[in-house]
Amino acid sequence: MKRMIRTLAFLLGTATVVFGADGWVTLFDGKTLDGWRQINGTATYTVENGAVVGTSVAGSPNSFLRSEKTYGDFVLELEAKLDTPLNSGVQFRSLSTPDFQNGRVHGYQLELDSSERGWTAGLYDEARNGWLYSLTRQPRARAAYKADDWNSFRVEAIGDSIRTWINGVQATNLVDPTTAEGFIALQVHSIGKDMAKLGKQVRWRNIRIKTTGLERERRADGDKVEEFNYVANTLTEAQKAAGWTLLWDGKTTKGWRGARSDGFPQKGWAIQDGTLSVLASGRGGDIYTLQEFSDFELELDYRIAEGANSGIKYFCDPSLLKDKGSAIGLEYQLLDDARHPDAKLGVAGNRTSGGLYDLIAPHNSSEPGVTAKRINRPGTWNRARIVVKGNHVEHWLNNSKIVDYERGTQIFRALVANSKYAPTPNFGEWEKGAILLQDHGDLVSFSSIKIRDLTK
């Protein structure tokens, strides 16, 4: 029997809302801005030809046209068209409260990006954590964007799971518990001093949402892309199936020992609220894994204090200890580049954060025309990733690749010969080694330390 579709239109305050028998709700009536109001910036919002039109202006911070109503779990669909070179986005589960930067809008954002990097449909955390899921590792989604044309989008926000699509291609697969409910908002990004963006426009239309029957609405093939998990010290079922294991359980010292002791250091390290911290001047010494690894993918979150210095070492041989200092190994540098003097030592930045310490300086190779790495300020969390497959090694920071090299090559050995590691035979070329977290006498915290064995 053919399903009969009935719609009911009614007034809720000043907002015209249309319900369908299938549970979808139209959020924009195509004629007015009823049910929406502008906050923060001064970009203009109008309605033209059945679309909301946002126009950039000079001298304004980010502008937002927000929904009067807030939403928790939902599926959202819409179309958007963005003038090049403007930037924009669609906020969801977002807030504007007096206690957060005097009412600044903050929360999840579906990115609208006309730049060459092509991160449209990526997930950004406005005014808080920055990029949660850029599209550096999603070439199909990057290619799906149609410049200066209408694009269709879908957002599934169900519990901690957030997934997005662009023109039918899945772009993201995020697990994040930061915010459970908030408003939806249409953003016109600040243009700063870039007058090439003045008067450029972004358009939105056919905006609809569904808040019931979500498990039936959820796309069964929605796990086509890699899952990023921001629930501390956990593995999702998808991560377990992909071969990930926790190197630290979030509660105990199991699997770790001190580099200069038979067990875990009795001082200098602390476990609290799901973080493993090396304390300032605690003198506990380095810690390393009881397991050794060869081909692997390592991922962890870290947070450094102002002026701090630390490192993540791999292919580490704890037996190679100097009278003073740390065990020998390849090092992913952790550093406050602006405040710690080590950033100015070495050669051409090869002692700055994210680099291969004393050997290779970090450079952003994931965004065309951008060399600066994407690093969050001291006191906030960053995500480090190290990938080793045979002699090929990569360093990633907040999902952007910043170091890429081959162990054992003539170039690598030349770098070693001109570094502090020159006296160490076969430095960096051992077949396997432990993972080490460095105690450099500064406060640094670690969480969500996980690894995937790539030899299997």
Protein backbone atom coordinates (compact mmCIF):
# COMPACT_ATOMS: atom_id res chain seq x y z
CA MET A 1 0.00 0.00 0.00
CA LYS A 2 1.42 3.35 -0.99
CA ARG A 3 2.42 5.38 2.05
CA MET A 4 0.40 8.54 2.47
CA ILE A 5 2.53 11.57 3.26
CA ARG A 6 0.94 14.20 5.40
CA THR A 7 2.46 17.46 6.51
CA LEU A 8 1.44 19.70 9.33
CA ALA A 9 2.54 23.32 9.42
CA PHE A 10 2.19 25.26 12.62
CA LEU A 11 3.69 28.24 14.36
CA LEU A 12 6.20 27.77 17.17
CA GLY A 13 6.89 31.27 18.44
CA THR A 14 7.73 33.07 15.19
CA ALA A 15 9.15 29.99 13.45
CA THR A 16 7.31 28.14 10.74
CA VAL A 17 8.17 24.46 11.10
CA VAL A 18 7.01 21.75 8.72
CA PHE A 19 6.78 18.16 9.90
CA GLY A 20 6.59 15.18 7.59
CA ALA A 21 5.13 11.77 8.35
CA ASP A 22 8.66 10.35 7.98
CA GLY A 23 9.89 12.47 10.90
CA TRP A 24 11.90 15.06 8.94
CA VAL A 25 11.52 18.68 10.03
CA THR A 26 12.19 21.64 7.72
CA LEU A 27 14.29 24.25 9.55
CA PHE A 28 14.21 26.97 6.88
CA ASP A 29 10.95 27.84 5.11
CA GLY A 30 12.71 29.25 2.03
CA LYS A 31 11.13 32.70 2.50
CA THR A 32 11.99 34.16 5.90
CA LEU A 33 14.57 33.86 8.71
CA ASP A 34 11.87 32.95 11.22
CA GLY A 35 13.32 30.62 13.86
CA TRP A 36 16.83 32.00 13.43
CA ARG A 37 18.75 34.93 14.92
CA GLN A 38 22.19 36.41 14.38
CA ILE A 39 24.88 36.41 17.06
CA ASN A 40 28.53 37.48 17.31
CA GLY A 41 29.66 39.14 14.03
CA THR A 42 28.07 41.62 11.63
CA ALA A 43 28.04 39.76 8.30
CA THR A 44 24.68 40.16 6.58
CA TYR A 45 22.08 37.40 6.23
CA THR A 46 19.23 37.61 3.73
CA VAL A 47 16.87 35.28 1.89
CA GLU A 48 17.12 35.07 -1.91
CA ASN A 49 15.56 32.52 -4.27
CA GLY A 50 14.78 30.04 -1.54
CA ALA A 51 18.22 30.20 0.10
CA VAL A 52 19.78 31.86 3.13
CA VAL A 53 22.55 34.12 1.84
CA GLY A 54 25.45 35.18 4.07
CA THR A 55 27.68 38.01 2.84
CA SER A 56 31.12 38.78 4.25
CA VAL A 57 31.95 42.23 5.59
CA ALA A 58 35.13 43.94 6.73
CA GLY A 59 36.06 44.41 10.37
CA SER A 60 33.89 41.63 11.80
CA PRO A 61 34.68 38.47 13.73
CA ASN A 62 33.03 35.21 12.69
CA SER A 63 29.28 35.70 12.26
CA PHE A 64 26.58 33.13 13.00
CA LEU A 65 22.90 32.79 12.22
CA ARG A 66 21.73 30.36 14.87
CA SER A 67 18.60 28.30 15.34
CA GLU A 68 16.39 29.28 18.24
CA LYS A 69 16.00 25.62 19.12
CA THR A 70 18.75 23.29 20.34
CA TYR A 71 19.31 19.70 19.26
CA GLY A 72 21.03 16.66 20.74
CA ASP A 73 20.90 13.51 18.61
CA PHE A 74 19.86 14.09 15.02
CA VAL A 75 20.44 13.58 11.32
CA LEU A 76 20.84 16.89 9.46
CA GLU A 77 20.74 17.37 5.70
CA LEU A 78 21.25 20.54 3.68
CA GLU A 79 22.77 22.03 0.56
CA ALA A 80 25.37 24.80 0.47
CA LYS A 81 27.16 26.88 -2.15
CA LEU A 82 30.33 28.79 -1.31
CA ASP A 83 32.02 31.57 -3.25
CA THR A 84 35.75 31.09 -3.74
CA PRO A 85 37.86 32.07 -1.75
CA LEU A 86 35.45 32.41 1.21
CA ASN A 87 35.45 30.09 4.23
CA SER A 88 32.31 29.09 6.09
CA GLY A 89 30.70 26.30 8.05
CA VAL A 90 27.62 24.88 9.71
CA GLN A 91 27.72 24.74 13.51
CA PHE A 92 25.90 22.02 15.43
CA ARG A 93 25.70 21.07 19.10
CA SER A 94 27.08 24.58 19.58
CA LEU A 95 26.79 27.04 22.46
CA SER A 96 27.15 30.73 23.23
CA THR A 97 27.41 31.33 26.96
CA PRO A 98 28.65 34.31 29.01
CA ASP A 99 31.21 32.16 30.82
CA PHE A 100 32.97 31.17 27.57
CA GLN A 101 34.93 34.06 26.07
CA ASN A 102 32.06 36.48 26.70
CA GLY A 103 29.52 34.58 24.61
CA ARG A 104 31.71 33.46 21.74
CA VAL A 105 30.15 30.66 19.70
CA HIS A 106 31.85 27.33 20.31
CA GLY A 107 31.14 23.77 19.26
CA TYR A 108 31.26 21.36 16.37
CA GLN A 109 31.42 22.70 12.83
CA LEU A 110 30.85 21.06 9.46
CA GLU A 111 33.57 22.81 7.44
CA LEU A 112 32.88 24.64 4.17
CA ASP A 113 36.26 25.22 2.59
CA SER A 114 36.88 26.69 -0.86
CA SER A 115 40.69 26.55 -0.55
CA GLU A 116 43.01 24.20 -2.39
CA ARG A 117 43.35 21.89 0.61
CA GLY A 118 39.73 20.77 0.12
CA TRP A 119 38.59 20.04 3.68
CA THR A 120 34.89 20.66 3.05
CA ALA A 121 32.78 18.31 5.21
CA GLY A 122 35.61 17.92 7.71
CA LEU A 123 34.89 18.45 11.42
CA TYR A 124 36.26 21.49 13.25
CA ASP A 125 35.73 22.40 16.91
CA GLU A 126 35.09 26.14 16.80
CA ALA A 127 36.90 28.21 19.46
CA ARG A 128 37.90 25.09 21.45
CA ASN A 129 39.93 22.14 20.16
CA GLY A 130 40.46 23.08 16.52
CA TRP A 131 40.50 20.34 13.91
CA LEU A 132 39.02 17.06 15.12
CA TYR A 133 38.80 15.44 11.69
CA SER A 134 40.44 17.15 8.73
CA LEU A 135 40.42 15.41 5.37
CA THR A 136 44.17 14.93 4.97
CA ARG A 137 43.65 11.16 4.78
CA GLN A 138 40.37 11.21 2.83
CA PRO A 139 41.13 11.84 -0.87
CA ARG A 140 37.69 10.68 -2.10
CA ALA A 141 35.89 13.21 0.08
CA ARG A 142 38.25 16.00 -0.95
CA ALA A 143 37.58 15.23 -4.60
CA ALA A 144 33.78 15.24 -4.07
CA TYR A 145 33.53 19.00 -3.49
CA LYS A 146 32.17 21.07 -6.39
CA ALA A 147 33.70 24.55 -6.36
CA ASP A 148 31.31 27.52 -6.74
CA ASP A 149 28.36 25.13 -7.05
CA TRP A 150 25.74 23.54 -4.84
CA ASN A 151 26.92 20.63 -2.68
CA SER A 152 24.77 18.33 -0.54
CA PHE A 153 25.71 17.45 3.04
CA ARG A 154 24.61 15.02 5.71
CA VAL A 155 25.53 15.01 9.40
CA GLU A 156 24.71 12.10 11.69
CA ALA A 157 25.16 13.04 15.36
CA ILE A 158 23.99 10.11 17.47
CA GLY A 159 25.46 9.81 20.94
CA ASP A 160 29.23 10.21 20.75
CA SER A 161 29.26 9.21 17.07
CA ILE A 162 29.47 12.02 14.49
CA ARG A 163 29.74 11.22 10.78
CA THR A 164 29.51 13.46 7.73
CA TRP A 165 28.98 13.08 3.97
CA ILE A 166 29.50 15.37 0.98
CA ASN A 167 27.61 14.65 -2.24
CA GLY A 168 27.04 11.08 -1.08
CA VAL A 169 30.70 10.42 -0.19
CA GLN A 170 31.50 9.79 3.46
CA ALA A 171 34.03 12.31 4.76
CA THR A 172 34.42 11.72 8.51
CA ASN A 173 33.85 9.13 11.23
CA LEU A 174 34.35 10.71 14.65
CA VAL A 175 33.76 9.54 18.21
CA ASP A 176 33.79 12.52 20.59
CA PRO A 177 31.93 13.21 23.85
CA THR A 178 32.61 16.94 24.27
CA THR A 179 29.11 18.37 23.70
CA ALA A 180 25.80 16.50 23.70
CA GLU A 181 23.40 19.29 22.69
CA GLY A 182 23.36 22.77 21.22
CA PHE A 183 22.07 24.99 18.46
CA ILE A 184 22.68 24.83 14.71
CA ALA A 185 24.25 27.90 13.12
CA LEU A 186 25.25 29.12 9.66
CA GLN A 187 28.70 30.72 9.73
CA VAL A 188 30.22 33.50 7.67
CA HIS A 189 33.91 33.46 8.51
CA SER A 190 35.86 36.61 9.36
CA ILE A 191 37.89 37.79 6.38
CA GLY A 192 40.56 39.64 8.38
CA LYS A 193 42.50 41.89 6.03
CA ASP A 194 41.90 39.75 2.94
CA MET A 195 39.89 42.14 0.77
CA ALA A 196 39.65 39.48 -1.95
CA LYS A 197 36.97 37.90 0.27
CA LEU A 198 35.00 41.12 0.84
CA GLY A 199 31.40 40.79 -0.32
CA LYS A 200 31.74 37.08 -1.09
CA GLN A 201 28.74 34.94 -0.28
CA VAL A 202 27.72 31.56 1.05
CA ARG A 203 24.25 30.10 0.50
CA TRP A 204 22.29 27.40 2.31
CA ARG A 205 19.01 25.76 1.32
CA ASN A 206 16.83 22.68 1.87
CA ILE A 207 17.83 22.51 5.54
CA ARG A 208 16.05 19.68 7.33
CA ILE A 209 16.56 17.64 10.49
CA LYS A 210 15.33 14.39 11.99
CA THR A 211 15.46 13.60 15.71
CA THR A 212 13.43 10.39 15.97
CA GLY A 213 13.93 6.90 14.59
CA LEU A 214 17.63 7.63 14.18
CA GLU A 215 18.91 4.07 14.29
CA ARG A 216 16.76 3.29 11.27
CA GLU A 217 17.93 6.47 9.58
CA ARG A 218 21.61 5.87 10.33
CA ARG A 219 23.44 4.79 7.18
CA ALA A 220 24.49 1.16 7.39
CA ASP A 221 27.61 1.85 5.33
CA GLY A 222 28.66 4.79 7.48
CA ASP A 223 31.94 3.23 8.63
CA LYS A 224 33.74 3.38 5.30
CA VAL A 225 36.39 5.79 6.52
CA GLU A 226 38.83 5.54 9.42
CA GLU A 227 37.36 6.22 12.83
CA PHE A 228 38.94 8.92 15.03
CA ASN A 229 38.23 8.32 18.73
CA TYR A 230 38.52 11.13 21.29
CA VAL A 231 37.08 9.24 24.26
CA ALA A 232 40.11 9.08 26.52
CA ASN A 233 41.85 5.74 27.03
CA THR A 234 39.29 3.70 25.13
CA LEU A 235 39.14 1.63 21.98
CA THR A 236 35.98 1.37 19.93
CA GLU A 237 34.91 -1.94 18.44
CA ALA A 238 36.07 -0.67 15.04
CA GLN A 239 39.52 0.14 16.42
CA LYS A 240 39.81 -3.26 18.05
CA ALA A 241 38.84 -4.91 14.79
CA ALA A 242 41.51 -2.83 13.01
CA GLY A 243 44.18 -4.19 15.36
CA TRP A 244 44.61 -1.32 17.83
CA THR A 245 45.57 -2.03 21.45
CA LEU A 246 46.04 0.31 24.39
CA LEU A 247 49.65 0.79 25.48
CA TRP A 248 48.42 2.42 28.68
CA ASP A 249 45.17 1.40 30.38
CA GLY A 250 44.47 4.87 31.82
CA LYS A 251 44.65 3.68 35.43
CA THR A 252 47.80 1.70 36.29
CA THR A 253 51.49 1.39 35.39
CA LYS A 254 50.99 -2.00 33.77
CA GLY A 255 53.23 -2.51 30.73
CA TRP A 256 55.70 0.26 31.63
CA ARG A 257 58.90 0.51 33.67
CA GLY A 258 61.51 3.08 34.50
CA ALA A 259 64.55 3.37 32.26
CA ARG A 260 66.84 3.44 35.28
CA SER A 261 64.96 1.17 37.66
CA ASP A 262 63.64 -2.37 37.86
CA GLY A 263 60.03 -1.21 38.15
CA PHE A 264 57.98 1.89 37.55
CA PRO A 265 59.46 5.06 39.14
CA GLN A 266 58.29 5.63 42.70
CA LYS A 267 58.33 9.39 42.24
CA GLY A 268 58.16 11.95 39.46
CA TRP A 269 55.15 10.44 37.65
CA ALA A 270 51.45 10.69 38.52
CA ILE A 271 48.24 9.06 37.30
CA GLN A 272 45.12 11.18 37.78
CA ASP A 273 41.80 11.56 35.94
CA GLY A 274 42.90 9.41 33.03
CA THR A 275 46.20 11.17 32.40
CA LEU A 276 49.76 9.95 32.89
CA SER A 277 51.95 12.92 33.82
CA VAL A 278 55.64 13.48 34.29
CA LEU A 279 55.95 16.09 37.02
CA ALA A 280 58.05 19.21 36.96
CA SER A 281 61.35 18.53 38.72
CA GLY A 282 59.97 15.21 39.89
CA ARG A 283 63.14 13.37 38.87
CA GLY A 284 61.38 10.13 38.18
CA GLY A 285 63.28 9.50 34.95
CA ASP A 286 62.12 8.19 31.60
CA ILE A 287 59.62 5.35 31.29
CA TYR A 288 59.38 2.82 28.47
CA THR A 289 57.23 -0.09 27.31
CA LEU A 290 58.04 -3.66 28.27
CA GLN A 291 57.19 -4.63 24.69
CA GLU A 292 59.35 -3.83 21.68
CA PHE A 293 57.99 -2.89 18.26
CA SER A 294 59.20 -2.87 14.66
CA ASP A 295 56.47 -1.95 12.14
CA PHE A 296 53.75 -0.03 13.96
CA GLU A 297 51.36 2.90 14.11
CA LEU A 298 51.48 4.78 17.43
CA GLU A 299 48.97 7.43 18.45
CA LEU A 300 48.67 9.41 21.67
CA ASP A 301 47.37 12.68 23.05
CA TYR A 302 49.74 14.97 24.94
CA ARG A 303 49.59 18.27 26.81
CA ILE A 304 52.63 20.32 27.77
CA ALA A 305 52.97 23.12 30.28
CA GLU A 306 54.36 26.50 29.21
CA GLY A 307 58.09 26.27 28.56
CA ALA A 308 58.09 22.46 28.74
CA ASN A 309 60.33 19.95 26.97
CA SER A 310 59.77 16.22 26.50
CA GLY A 311 59.74 13.60 23.77
CA ILE A 312 58.38 10.33 22.46
CA LYS A 313 61.19 7.95 21.56
CA TYR A 314 60.89 4.85 19.40
CA PHE A 315 63.31 2.12 18.35
CA CYS A 316 64.67 2.89 21.77
CA ASP A 317 67.41 0.83 23.36
CA PRO A 318 67.19 1.48 27.10
CA SER A 319 70.58 -0.18 27.62
CA LEU A 320 72.24 2.67 25.75
CA LEU A 321 72.25 5.18 28.59
CA LYS A 322 74.73 7.93 29.18
CA ASP A 323 75.79 8.81 32.71
CA LYS A 324 73.25 11.59 32.46
CA GLY A 325 70.34 12.08 30.11
CA SER A 326 67.87 9.85 28.36
CA ALA A 327 67.96 6.46 26.70
CA ILE A 328 68.94 6.52 23.03
CA GLY A 329 66.29 6.35 20.33
CA LEU A 330 64.63 8.22 17.49
CA GLU A 331 62.65 11.06 19.05
CA TYR A 332 59.41 12.82 18.21
CA GLN A 333 60.14 16.12 19.92
CA LEU A 334 57.59 17.66 22.32
CA LEU A 335 58.40 21.29 23.07
CA ASP A 336 57.04 24.75 23.72
CA ASP A 337 58.74 26.26 20.68
CA ALA A 338 58.04 29.83 21.74
CA ARG A 339 59.44 29.59 25.26
CA HIS A 340 62.00 26.79 25.43
CA PRO A 341 65.53 27.68 24.27
CA ASP A 342 66.09 24.27 22.64
CA ALA A 343 63.84 25.37 19.77
CA LYS A 344 66.54 27.80 18.65
CA LEU A 345 69.35 25.26 18.82
CA GLY A 346 70.19 22.52 16.32
CA VAL A 347 69.92 23.22 12.60
CA ALA A 348 67.03 24.97 10.79
CA GLY A 349 64.40 24.04 13.39
CA ASN A 350 65.27 20.37 13.78
CA ARG A 351 64.75 20.58 17.53
CA THR A 352 61.25 22.06 17.38
CA SER A 353 58.07 20.27 18.38
CA GLY A 354 56.99 17.39 16.18
CA GLY A 355 60.33 17.09 14.41
CA LEU A 356 62.73 14.16 14.41
CA TYR A 357 64.91 15.54 17.16
CA ASP A 358 68.26 16.95 16.01
CA LEU A 359 67.76 15.44 12.55
CA ILE A 360 64.68 16.69 10.62
CA ALA A 361 62.61 19.83 11.16
CA PRO A 362 58.80 19.53 10.98
CA HIS A 363 56.89 21.04 8.06
CA ASN A 364 53.22 20.72 7.21
CA SER A 365 53.02 18.64 4.03
CA SER A 366 49.27 18.00 4.16
CA GLU A 367 48.06 21.42 3.01
CA PRO A 368 49.11 22.97 -0.31
CA GLY A 369 50.96 26.22 0.21
CA VAL A 370 51.09 25.83 4.00
CA THR A 371 54.29 24.84 5.79
CA ALA A 372 53.41 25.84 9.36
CA LYS A 373 52.38 22.90 11.52
CA ARG A 374 48.99 22.88 13.23
CA ILE A 375 49.85 22.79 16.92
CA ASN A 376 47.66 23.74 19.86
CA ARG A 377 49.00 26.06 22.54
CA PRO A 378 50.59 24.81 25.80
CA GLY A 379 47.97 23.71 28.30
CA THR A 380 45.76 22.17 25.58
CA TRP A 381 45.79 18.73 24.02
CA ASN A 382 47.53 17.72 20.80
CA ARG A 383 47.48 14.37 19.02
CA ALA A 384 50.78 12.82 17.92
CA ARG A 385 51.01 9.93 15.46
CA ILE A 386 54.08 7.94 14.39
CA VAL A 387 53.88 5.45 11.51
CA VAL A 388 56.73 3.00 10.79
CA LYS A 389 56.61 0.53 7.92
CA GLY A 390 59.98 -1.03 7.19
CA ASN A 391 62.42 1.86 6.91
CA HIS A 392 59.72 4.39 6.06
CA VAL A 393 58.73 6.67 8.96
CA GLU A 394 56.17 9.46 9.29
CA HIS A 395 55.41 11.95 12.06
CA TRP A 396 51.89 13.40 12.20
CA LEU A 397 50.57 16.21 14.40
CA ASN A 398 46.84 16.83 14.73
CA ASN A 399 46.24 14.79 11.56
CA SER A 400 48.75 16.68 9.41
CA LYS A 401 51.95 14.99 8.24
CA ILE A 402 55.01 16.96 9.36
CA VAL A 403 57.98 14.55 8.94
CA ASP A 404 58.59 11.86 6.31
CA TYR A 405 61.89 9.95 5.97
CA GLU A 406 63.63 6.66 5.23
CA ARG A 407 65.91 5.02 7.76
CA GLY A 408 69.16 3.54 6.53
CA THR A 409 69.50 5.72 3.45
CA GLN A 410 72.56 7.78 2.57
CA ILE A 411 70.64 10.94 3.43
CA PHE A 412 69.55 9.58 6.81
CA ARG A 413 73.08 8.49 7.71
CA ALA A 414 74.45 11.89 6.72
CA LEU A 415 71.96 13.55 9.04
CA VAL A 416 73.00 11.25 11.89
CA ALA A 417 76.70 11.90 11.21
CA ASN A 418 76.11 15.62 11.74
CA SER A 419 74.01 15.22 14.88
CA LYS A 420 74.50 14.42 18.56
CA TYR A 421 73.91 10.76 17.67
CA ALA A 422 77.03 10.41 15.52
CA PRO A 423 78.94 8.36 18.16
CA THR A 424 76.12 5.76 18.39
CA PRO A 425 76.68 2.78 16.03
CA ASN A 426 73.73 2.10 13.68
CA PHE A 427 71.66 4.78 15.35
CA GLY A 428 68.00 4.58 14.35
CA GLU A 429 68.47 1.44 12.28
CA TRP A 430 67.75 -1.22 14.87
CA GLU A 431 65.15 -3.78 13.85
CA LYS A 432 62.92 -3.16 16.87
CA GLY A 433 62.81 -1.26 20.12
CA ALA A 434 60.73 0.06 22.99
CA ILE A 435 58.52 3.16 23.08
CA LEU A 436 59.76 5.72 25.62
CA LEU A 437 58.19 8.79 27.25
CA GLN A 438 60.81 11.27 28.34
CA ASP A 439 61.23 13.00 31.68
CA HIS A 440 62.97 16.30 30.89
CA GLY A 441 62.09 17.90 34.23
CA ASP A 442 58.91 19.61 32.99
CA LEU A 443 55.20 18.98 33.41
CA VAL A 444 53.84 16.97 30.46
CA SER A 445 50.71 14.80 30.39
CA PHE A 446 49.80 11.85 28.17
CA SER A 447 46.53 10.07 27.44
CA SER A 448 44.96 7.62 24.97
CA ILE A 449 48.26 5.90 24.20
CA LYS A 450 47.49 3.23 21.61
CA ILE A 451 49.40 1.21 19.04
CA ARG A 452 48.72 -1.00 16.01
CA ASP A 453 51.14 -3.73 14.98
CA LEU A 454 51.70 -3.40 11.23
CA THR A 455 53.70 -6.63 10.91
CA LYS A 456 50.49 -8.68 11.02
